[in-house]
Amino acid sequence: AVDLQIELLQLQRRVQAHVPLPSIKLDTDYLNSLLPHGPILQFEHLPLDWSDVRFLLRATASAMQNQDALEAGDARRVDVLCRDSSRLPDVVKSWYNSVRPGGRPIDQEAAGLETVIQQALRPILTRCAEAIMARTDLSAWGRHICPLCGGEPDFAVITPAAERLLICSRCAARWRFDQIACPYCLNSDRTKITSLASRDGQYRLSCCDACLRYLKAFDARHASRPVMPAVDSIATLPLDAAAMQRGYQ
């Protein structure tokens, strides 16, 4: 699992430096005006070079297959999809919009390939998020989904002020959220929230006994460095194992 995460990170960094800015108007007042009706970042705003997308999809699928994280049949599905230039944009758009409020169910050609598509598009979405976050005040956003792309969080950071910032699984945007409530089912009953921590207290797990999902967090209150999601997600793989052994997903 560690080898796979490192390989994917290296692949994504090769591409991210060359990704252009999103096509959305990067004006602070304009972006702030969109936030109440968010998520802000529409599929049409993404600077997608389809030759890059095909490369990322194939390379991601290959890395996952090499590390036994993707079945051979699914790898072939990715290759077939990359060869169909007329279908690929629709399938990727379906994946992007499926988790957004009011989105339609994901295209059947993308079903089962969500992780591959997410990892492949991460450098593009991260680049877009960085550009928008630098010009937008997200403090008024208190929802459990990403204010930019609508994705779920897959990591969090506890700030020195003891606030919890969620980190999007798709674009790595960060936003403030309730310190206790589950960001998946919104359960806020403290008796149904189980908290675990690493021995050094650097990382924490928030496990929901209502939906049986969990969220990892970096505790920055006594840390000597800021959170580094790409690094910390790898460093906390033993916590994933500990959570799953307890029946959480």
C-alpha atoms as a PDB file:
ATOM      1  CA  ALA A   1       0.000   0.000   0.000  1.00  0.00           C
ATOM      2  CA  VAL A   2       2.849   2.383   0.813  1.00  0.00           C
ATOM      3  CA  ASP A   3       4.608   1.613  -2.471  1.00  0.00           C
ATOM      4  CA  LEU A   4       1.385   2.288  -4.388  1.00  0.00           C
ATOM      5  CA  GLN A   5       0.759   5.631  -2.676  1.00  0.00           C
ATOM      6  CA  ILE A   6       4.327   6.763  -3.347  1.00  0.00           C
ATOM      7  CA  GLU A   7       4.130   5.721  -6.999  1.00  0.00           C
ATOM      8  CA  LEU A   8       0.825   7.560  -7.488  1.00  0.00           C
ATOM      9  CA  LEU A   9       2.182  10.662  -5.757  1.00  0.00           C
ATOM     10  CA  GLN A  10       5.246  10.735  -8.017  1.00  0.00           C
ATOM     11  CA  LEU A  11       3.046  10.335 -11.100  1.00  0.00           C
ATOM     12  CA  GLN A  12       0.707  13.132 -10.056  1.00  0.00           C
ATOM     13  CA  ARG A  13       3.547  15.538  -9.277  1.00  0.00           C
ATOM     14  CA  ARG A  14       5.027  14.987 -12.748  1.00  0.00           C
ATOM     15  CA  VAL A  15       1.837  16.365 -14.265  1.00  0.00           C
ATOM     16  CA  GLN A  16       0.626  18.941 -11.750  1.00  0.00           C
ATOM     17  CA  ALA A  17       3.379  21.472 -12.452  1.00  0.00           C
ATOM     18  CA  HIS A  18       2.173  21.776 -16.045  1.00  0.00           C
ATOM     19  CA  VAL A  19      -1.569  22.052 -15.370  1.00  0.00           C
ATOM     20  CA  PRO A  20      -2.964  25.489 -16.331  1.00  0.00           C
ATOM     21  CA  LEU A  21      -5.346  27.531 -14.195  1.00  0.00           C
ATOM     22  CA  PRO A  22      -9.075  26.709 -14.256  1.00  0.00           C
ATOM     23  CA  SER A  23     -11.250  28.677 -16.652  1.00  0.00           C
ATOM     24  CA  ILE A  24     -13.383  30.139 -13.854  1.00  0.00           C
ATOM     25  CA  LYS A  25     -13.048  33.879 -13.191  1.00  0.00           C
ATOM     26  CA  LEU A  26     -10.463  34.128 -10.409  1.00  0.00           C
ATOM     27  CA  ASP A  27     -11.819  37.272  -8.791  1.00  0.00           C
ATOM     28  CA  THR A  28     -12.315  37.277  -5.023  1.00  0.00           C
ATOM     29  CA  ASP A  29     -15.689  39.042  -4.997  1.00  0.00           C
ATOM     30  CA  TYR A  30     -16.992  36.832  -7.784  1.00  0.00           C
ATOM     31  CA  LEU A  31     -15.852  33.602  -6.132  1.00  0.00           C
ATOM     32  CA  ASN A  32     -17.232  34.641  -2.747  1.00  0.00           C
ATOM     33  CA  SER A  33     -20.587  35.370  -4.401  1.00  0.00           C
ATOM     34  CA  LEU A  34     -20.703  31.808  -5.744  1.00  0.00           C
ATOM     35  CA  LEU A  35     -20.000  30.142  -2.407  1.00  0.00           C
ATOM     36  CA  PRO A  36     -23.564  30.277  -0.974  1.00  0.00           C
ATOM     37  CA  HIS A  37     -24.692  28.331  -4.047  1.00  0.00           C
ATOM     38  CA  GLY A  38     -21.618  26.058  -4.119  1.00  0.00           C
ATOM     39  CA  PRO A  39     -19.789  23.857  -4.761  1.00  0.00           C
ATOM     40  CA  ILE A  40     -17.971  26.453  -6.859  1.00  0.00           C
ATOM     41  CA  LEU A  41     -15.901  24.442  -9.341  1.00  0.00           C
ATOM     42  CA  GLN A  42     -17.943  23.156 -12.286  1.00  0.00           C
ATOM     43  CA  PHE A  43     -16.740  20.433 -14.639  1.00  0.00           C
ATOM     44  CA  GLU A  44     -16.578  22.986 -17.449  1.00  0.00           C
ATOM     45  CA  HIS A  45     -13.998  24.964 -15.458  1.00  0.00           C
ATOM     46  CA  LEU A  46     -11.472  22.115 -15.383  1.00  0.00           C
ATOM     47  CA  PRO A  47      -8.444  22.645 -17.698  1.00  0.00           C
ATOM     48  CA  LEU A  48      -8.601  19.141 -19.167  1.00  0.00           C
ATOM     49  CA  ASP A  49      -6.078  18.163 -21.821  1.00  0.00           C
ATOM     50  CA  TRP A  50      -7.500  14.830 -22.911  1.00  0.00           C
ATOM     51  CA  SER A  51      -4.129  13.440 -23.960  1.00  0.00           C
ATOM     52  CA  ASP A  52      -2.924  14.111 -20.405  1.00  0.00           C
ATOM     53  CA  VAL A  53      -6.091  12.555 -18.981  1.00  0.00           C
ATOM     54  CA  ARG A  54      -5.582   9.391 -21.033  1.00  0.00           C
ATOM     55  CA  PHE A  55      -1.951   9.196 -19.903  1.00  0.00           C
ATOM     56  CA  LEU A  56      -2.927   9.650 -16.256  1.00  0.00           C
ATOM     57  CA  LEU A  57      -5.692   7.074 -16.436  1.00  0.00           C
ATOM     58  CA  ARG A  58      -3.475   4.442 -18.052  1.00  0.00           C
ATOM     59  CA  ALA A  59      -0.510   5.124 -15.769  1.00  0.00           C
ATOM     60  CA  THR A  60      -2.710   5.087 -12.662  1.00  0.00           C
ATOM     61  CA  ALA A  61      -4.385   1.839 -13.688  1.00  0.00           C
ATOM     62  CA  SER A  62      -1.001   0.278 -14.423  1.00  0.00           C
ATOM     63  CA  ALA A  63       0.408   1.312 -11.026  1.00  0.00           C
ATOM     64  CA  MET A  64      -2.636  -0.015  -9.208  1.00  0.00           C
ATOM     65  CA  GLN A  65      -2.585  -3.298 -11.125  1.00  0.00           C
ATOM     66  CA  ASN A  66       1.135  -3.765 -10.449  1.00  0.00           C
ATOM     67  CA  GLN A  67       0.463  -3.378  -6.725  1.00  0.00           C
ATOM     68  CA  ASP A  68      -2.536  -5.755  -6.799  1.00  0.00           C
ATOM     69  CA  ALA A  69      -4.966  -2.910  -6.151  1.00  0.00           C
ATOM     70  CA  LEU A  70      -6.836  -3.271  -9.466  1.00  0.00           C
ATOM     71  CA  GLU A  71      -8.159  -6.337 -11.244  1.00  0.00           C
ATOM     72  CA  ALA A  72      -6.880  -7.078 -14.749  1.00  0.00           C
ATOM     73  CA  GLY A  73     -10.409  -6.779 -16.123  1.00  0.00           C
ATOM     74  CA  ASP A  74     -10.806  -3.269 -14.722  1.00  0.00           C
ATOM     75  CA  ALA A  75      -7.407  -2.284 -16.126  1.00  0.00           C
ATOM     76  CA  ARG A  76      -8.633  -3.408 -19.559  1.00  0.00           C
ATOM     77  CA  ARG A  77     -11.802  -1.353 -19.072  1.00  0.00           C
ATOM     78  CA  VAL A  78      -9.642   1.726 -18.461  1.00  0.00           C
ATOM     79  CA  ASP A  79      -7.651   1.055 -21.637  1.00  0.00           C
ATOM     80  CA  VAL A  80     -10.823   0.594 -23.703  1.00  0.00           C
ATOM     81  CA  LEU A  81     -12.249   3.818 -22.299  1.00  0.00           C
ATOM     82  CA  CYS A  82      -9.061   5.731 -23.130  1.00  0.00           C
ATOM     83  CA  ARG A  83      -9.318   4.538 -26.734  1.00  0.00           C
ATOM     84  CA  ASP A  84     -12.847   5.892 -27.131  1.00  0.00           C
ATOM     85  CA  SER A  85     -12.330   9.635 -27.531  1.00  0.00           C
ATOM     86  CA  SER A  86     -16.061  10.255 -27.971  1.00  0.00           C
ATOM     87  CA  ARG A  87     -17.088   8.539 -24.706  1.00  0.00           C
ATOM     88  CA  LEU A  88     -14.211   9.467 -22.410  1.00  0.00           C
ATOM     89  CA  PRO A  89     -15.304  13.093 -21.736  1.00  0.00           C
ATOM     90  CA  ASP A  90     -18.866  12.022 -20.906  1.00  0.00           C
ATOM     91  CA  VAL A  91     -17.699   9.270 -18.561  1.00  0.00           C
ATOM     92  CA  VAL A  92     -15.267  11.540 -16.711  1.00  0.00           C
ATOM     93  CA  LYS A  93     -17.933  14.250 -16.444  1.00  0.00           C
ATOM     94  CA  SER A  94     -20.359  11.681 -15.048  1.00  0.00           C
ATOM     95  CA  TRP A  95     -17.824  10.701 -12.377  1.00  0.00           C
ATOM     96  CA  TYR A  96     -17.147  14.331 -11.448  1.00  0.00           C
ATOM     97  CA  ASN A  97     -20.805  15.323 -11.157  1.00  0.00           C
ATOM     98  CA  SER A  98     -22.114  12.138  -9.510  1.00  0.00           C
ATOM     99  CA  VAL A  99     -21.206  13.251  -5.969  1.00  0.00           C
ATOM    100  CA  ARG A 100     -22.314  16.853  -6.353  1.00  0.00           C
ATOM    101  CA  PRO A 101     -25.715  17.985  -5.005  1.00  0.00           C
ATOM    102  CA  GLY A 102     -28.377  17.010  -7.523  1.00  0.00           C
ATOM    103  CA  GLY A 103     -25.901  14.966  -9.566  1.00  0.00           C
ATOM    104  CA  ARG A 104     -27.048  11.989 -11.600  1.00  0.00           C
ATOM    105  CA  PRO A 105     -25.901   8.420 -10.900  1.00  0.00           C
ATOM    106  CA  ILE A 106     -22.463   7.646 -12.295  1.00  0.00           C
ATOM    107  CA  ASP A 107     -22.206   6.330 -15.865  1.00  0.00           C
ATOM    108  CA  GLN A 108     -22.049   2.536 -15.922  1.00  0.00           C
ATOM    109  CA  GLU A 109     -18.768   2.698 -17.830  1.00  0.00           C
ATOM    110  CA  ALA A 110     -17.226   4.462 -14.845  1.00  0.00           C
ATOM    111  CA  ALA A 111     -18.822   2.263 -12.175  1.00  0.00           C
ATOM    112  CA  GLY A 112     -16.087   0.389 -10.342  1.00  0.00           C
ATOM    113  CA  LEU A 113     -13.383   2.696 -11.725  1.00  0.00           C
ATOM    114  CA  GLU A 114     -14.047   5.604  -9.388  1.00  0.00           C
ATOM    115  CA  THR A 115     -10.737   5.257  -7.536  1.00  0.00           C
ATOM    116  CA  VAL A 116      -8.745   5.110 -10.773  1.00  0.00           C
ATOM    117  CA  ILE A 117     -10.444   8.238 -12.140  1.00  0.00           C
ATOM    118  CA  GLN A 118     -10.067  10.080  -8.835  1.00  0.00           C
ATOM    119  CA  GLN A 119      -6.352   9.353  -8.590  1.00  0.00           C
ATOM    120  CA  ALA A 120      -5.829  10.226 -12.269  1.00  0.00           C
ATOM    121  CA  LEU A 121      -7.584  13.602 -12.040  1.00  0.00           C
ATOM    122  CA  ARG A 122      -6.142  14.569  -8.666  1.00  0.00           C
ATOM    123  CA  PRO A 123      -3.261  16.726 -10.041  1.00  0.00           C
ATOM    124  CA  ILE A 124      -5.732  18.680 -12.181  1.00  0.00           C
ATOM    125  CA  LEU A 125      -8.274  19.146  -9.401  1.00  0.00           C
ATOM    126  CA  THR A 126      -5.584  20.039  -6.867  1.00  0.00           C
ATOM    127  CA  ARG A 127      -4.200  22.720  -9.158  1.00  0.00           C
ATOM    128  CA  CYS A 128      -7.691  24.193  -9.578  1.00  0.00           C
ATOM    129  CA  ALA A 129      -8.329  24.111  -5.837  1.00  0.00           C
ATOM    130  CA  GLU A 130      -5.076  25.889  -5.025  1.00  0.00           C
ATOM    131  CA  ALA A 131      -5.934  28.719  -7.419  1.00  0.00           C
ATOM    132  CA  ILE A 132      -9.466  29.167  -6.074  1.00  0.00           C
ATOM    133  CA  MET A 133      -8.646  28.836  -2.360  1.00  0.00           C
ATOM    134  CA  ALA A 134      -6.032  31.585  -2.663  1.00  0.00           C
ATOM    135  CA  ARG A 135      -8.802  34.006  -3.663  1.00  0.00           C
ATOM    136  CA  THR A 136     -11.842  32.784  -1.735  1.00  0.00           C
ATOM    137  CA  ASP A 137     -13.010  33.094   1.864  1.00  0.00           C
ATOM    138  CA  LEU A 138     -14.364  29.655   2.769  1.00  0.00           C
ATOM    139  CA  SER A 139     -15.050  30.487   6.425  1.00  0.00           C
ATOM    140  CA  ALA A 140     -18.826  30.635   5.864  1.00  0.00           C
ATOM    141  CA  TRP A 141     -18.960  27.128   4.402  1.00  0.00           C
ATOM    142  CA  GLY A 142     -20.023  24.652   7.058  1.00  0.00           C
ATOM    143  CA  ARG A 143     -21.287  21.752   4.975  1.00  0.00           C
ATOM    144  CA  HIS A 144     -19.788  18.260   5.022  1.00  0.00           C
ATOM    145  CA  ILE A 145     -18.894  18.219   1.316  1.00  0.00           C
ATOM    146  CA  CYS A 146     -16.106  20.122  -0.419  1.00  0.00           C
ATOM    147  CA  PRO A 147     -17.016  23.752  -1.229  1.00  0.00           C
ATOM    148  CA  LEU A 148     -15.105  23.530  -4.498  1.00  0.00           C
ATOM    149  CA  CYS A 149     -15.730  20.144  -6.156  1.00  0.00           C
ATOM    150  CA  GLY A 150     -18.354  18.560  -3.910  1.00  0.00           C
ATOM    151  CA  GLY A 151     -16.167  15.600  -2.916  1.00  0.00           C
ATOM    152  CA  GLU A 152     -16.046  13.838   0.434  1.00  0.00           C
ATOM    153  CA  PRO A 153     -13.210  14.427   2.906  1.00  0.00           C
ATOM    154  CA  ASP A 154     -10.652  11.684   3.417  1.00  0.00           C
ATOM    155  CA  PHE A 155      -8.376  13.440   5.901  1.00  0.00           C
ATOM    156  CA  ALA A 156      -8.507  16.298   8.393  1.00  0.00           C
ATOM    157  CA  VAL A 157      -6.261  18.553  10.405  1.00  0.00           C
ATOM    158  CA  ILE A 158      -6.813  19.794  13.944  1.00  0.00           C
ATOM    159  CA  THR A 159      -5.432  23.324  14.041  1.00  0.00           C
ATOM    160  CA  PRO A 160      -3.519  24.923  16.951  1.00  0.00           C
ATOM    161  CA  ALA A 161      -6.801  26.719  17.733  1.00  0.00           C
ATOM    162  CA  ALA A 162      -8.461  23.263  18.077  1.00  0.00           C
ATOM    163  CA  GLU A 163     -10.598  23.726  14.980  1.00  0.00           C
ATOM    164  CA  ARG A 164     -11.082  20.823  12.580  1.00  0.00           C
ATOM    165  CA  LEU A 165     -10.438  21.404   8.892  1.00  0.00           C
ATOM    166  CA  LEU A 166     -11.609  18.727   6.486  1.00  0.00           C
ATOM    167  CA  ILE A 167      -9.448  17.919   3.449  1.00  0.00           C
ATOM    168  CA  CYS A 168     -11.180  16.897   0.225  1.00  0.00           C
ATOM    169  CA  SER A 169     -10.412  13.449  -1.172  1.00  0.00           C
ATOM    170  CA  ARG A 170     -10.569  14.754  -4.747  1.00  0.00           C
ATOM    171  CA  CYS A 171      -9.063  18.253  -4.870  1.00  0.00           C
ATOM    172  CA  ALA A 172      -7.432  18.600  -1.401  1.00  0.00           C
ATOM    173  CA  ALA A 173      -9.373  21.779  -0.589  1.00  0.00           C
ATOM    174  CA  ARG A 174      -9.697  22.532   3.136  1.00  0.00           C
ATOM    175  CA  TRP A 175     -12.670  23.894   5.034  1.00  0.00           C
ATOM    176  CA  ARG A 176     -13.810  24.236   8.634  1.00  0.00           C
ATOM    177  CA  PHE A 177     -16.307  21.710   9.987  1.00  0.00           C
ATOM    178  CA  ASP A 178     -17.878  20.759  13.309  1.00  0.00           C
ATOM    179  CA  GLN A 179     -15.294  19.273  15.688  1.00  0.00           C
ATOM    180  CA  ILE A 180     -17.429  16.283  16.675  1.00  0.00           C
ATOM    181  CA  ALA A 181     -20.004  15.531  13.956  1.00  0.00           C
ATOM    182  CA  CYS A 182     -19.382  12.737  11.464  1.00  0.00           C
ATOM    183  CA  PRO A 183     -18.676  14.319   8.052  1.00  0.00           C
ATOM    184  CA  TYR A 184     -20.352  11.382   6.302  1.00  0.00           C
ATOM    185  CA  CYS A 185     -23.697  10.811   8.052  1.00  0.00           C
ATOM    186  CA  LEU A 186     -23.706  14.031  10.170  1.00  0.00           C
ATOM    187  CA  ASN A 187     -24.199  12.095  13.408  1.00  0.00           C
ATOM    188  CA  SER A 188     -23.345  14.467  16.280  1.00  0.00           C
ATOM    189  CA  ASP A 189     -24.137  12.161  19.201  1.00  0.00           C
ATOM    190  CA  ARG A 190     -20.878  12.040  21.163  1.00  0.00           C
ATOM    191  CA  THR A 191     -21.774   8.620  22.551  1.00  0.00           C
ATOM    192  CA  LYS A 192     -21.670   7.247  19.012  1.00  0.00           C
ATOM    193  CA  ILE A 193     -18.294   8.752  18.111  1.00  0.00           C
ATOM    194  CA  THR A 194     -15.204   6.703  19.002  1.00  0.00           C
ATOM    195  CA  SER A 195     -11.851   8.500  19.076  1.00  0.00           C
ATOM    196  CA  LEU A 196      -8.498   6.755  18.753  1.00  0.00           C
ATOM    197  CA  ALA A 197      -4.975   8.181  18.597  1.00  0.00           C
ATOM    198  CA  SER A 198      -1.503   7.085  17.598  1.00  0.00           C
ATOM    199  CA  ARG A 199       0.913   6.492  20.456  1.00  0.00           C
ATOM    200  CA  ASP A 200       2.676   9.795  19.916  1.00  0.00           C
ATOM    201  CA  GLY A 201      -0.596  11.712  19.654  1.00  0.00           C
ATOM    202  CA  GLN A 202       0.337  13.048  16.204  1.00  0.00           C
ATOM    203  CA  TYR A 203      -2.597  11.395  14.445  1.00  0.00           C
ATOM    204  CA  ARG A 204      -6.175  10.761  15.467  1.00  0.00           C
ATOM    205  CA  LEU A 205      -9.085   8.665  14.256  1.00  0.00           C
ATOM    206  CA  SER A 206     -12.694   9.763  14.529  1.00  0.00           C
ATOM    207  CA  CYS A 207     -14.912   6.682  14.081  1.00  0.00           C
ATOM    208  CA  CYS A 208     -18.687   6.947  13.724  1.00  0.00           C
ATOM    209  CA  ASP A 209     -20.662   4.119  15.323  1.00  0.00           C
ATOM    210  CA  ALA A 210     -23.787   5.205  13.411  1.00  0.00           C
ATOM    211  CA  CYS A 211     -22.501   4.781   9.833  1.00  0.00           C
ATOM    212  CA  LEU A 212     -19.315   2.814  10.693  1.00  0.00           C
ATOM    213  CA  ARG A 213     -17.057   5.148   8.730  1.00  0.00           C
ATOM    214  CA  TYR A 214     -13.914   6.834  10.016  1.00  0.00           C
ATOM    215  CA  LEU A 215     -11.768   9.874   9.327  1.00  0.00           C
ATOM    216  CA  LYS A 216      -8.046  10.283  10.017  1.00  0.00           C
ATOM    217  CA  ALA A 217      -6.661  13.578  11.256  1.00  0.00           C
ATOM    218  CA  PHE A 218      -3.295  15.237  11.816  1.00  0.00           C
ATOM    219  CA  ASP A 219      -3.149  16.957  15.203  1.00  0.00           C
ATOM    220  CA  ALA A 220      -1.230  20.190  14.657  1.00  0.00           C
ATOM    221  CA  ARG A 221      -1.695  21.510  18.189  1.00  0.00           C
ATOM    222  CA  HIS A 222       1.727  20.285  19.294  1.00  0.00           C
ATOM    223  CA  ALA A 223       3.288  19.479  15.921  1.00  0.00           C
ATOM    224  CA  SER A 224       6.590  20.829  14.673  1.00  0.00           C
ATOM    225  CA  ARG A 225       5.350  21.062  11.077  1.00  0.00           C
ATOM    226  CA  PRO A 226       2.105  21.699   9.182  1.00  0.00           C
ATOM    227  CA  VAL A 227      -0.059  18.896   7.826  1.00  0.00           C
ATOM    228  CA  MET A 228       1.207  17.333   4.582  1.00  0.00           C
ATOM    229  CA  PRO A 229      -1.721  15.262   3.267  1.00  0.00           C
ATOM    230  CA  ALA A 230       0.325  13.369   0.674  1.00  0.00           C
ATOM    231  CA  VAL A 231       2.826  12.307   3.356  1.00  0.00           C
ATOM    232  CA  ASP A 232       0.454  11.940   6.273  1.00  0.00           C
ATOM    233  CA  SER A 233      -1.974   9.738   4.372  1.00  0.00           C
ATOM    234  CA  ILE A 234       0.888   7.282   3.838  1.00  0.00           C
ATOM    235  CA  ALA A 235       2.250   7.574   7.376  1.00  0.00           C
ATOM    236  CA  THR A 236      -1.182   6.726   8.799  1.00  0.00           C
ATOM    237  CA  LEU A 237      -1.810   3.522   6.845  1.00  0.00           C
ATOM    238  CA  PRO A 238      -1.442   1.499  10.092  1.00  0.00           C
ATOM    239  CA  LEU A 239      -4.364   3.524  11.480  1.00  0.00           C
ATOM    240  CA  ASP A 240      -6.472   2.465   8.492  1.00  0.00           C
ATOM    241  CA  ALA A 241      -5.718  -1.134   9.385  1.00  0.00           C
ATOM    242  CA  ALA A 242      -6.596  -0.524  13.031  1.00  0.00           C
ATOM    243  CA  ALA A 243      -9.933   1.068  12.089  1.00  0.00           C
ATOM    244  CA  MET A 244     -10.854  -1.716   9.682  1.00  0.00           C
ATOM    245  CA  GLN A 245      -9.988  -4.350  12.272  1.00  0.00           C
ATOM    246  CA  ARG A 246     -12.605  -2.706  14.478  1.00  0.00           C
ATOM    247  CA  GLY A 247     -15.225  -2.903  11.717  1.00  0.00           C
ATOM    248  CA  TYR A 248     -15.077   0.652  10.402  1.00  0.00           C
ATOM    249  CA  GLN A 249     -14.910   1.536   6.699  1.00  0.00           C
END
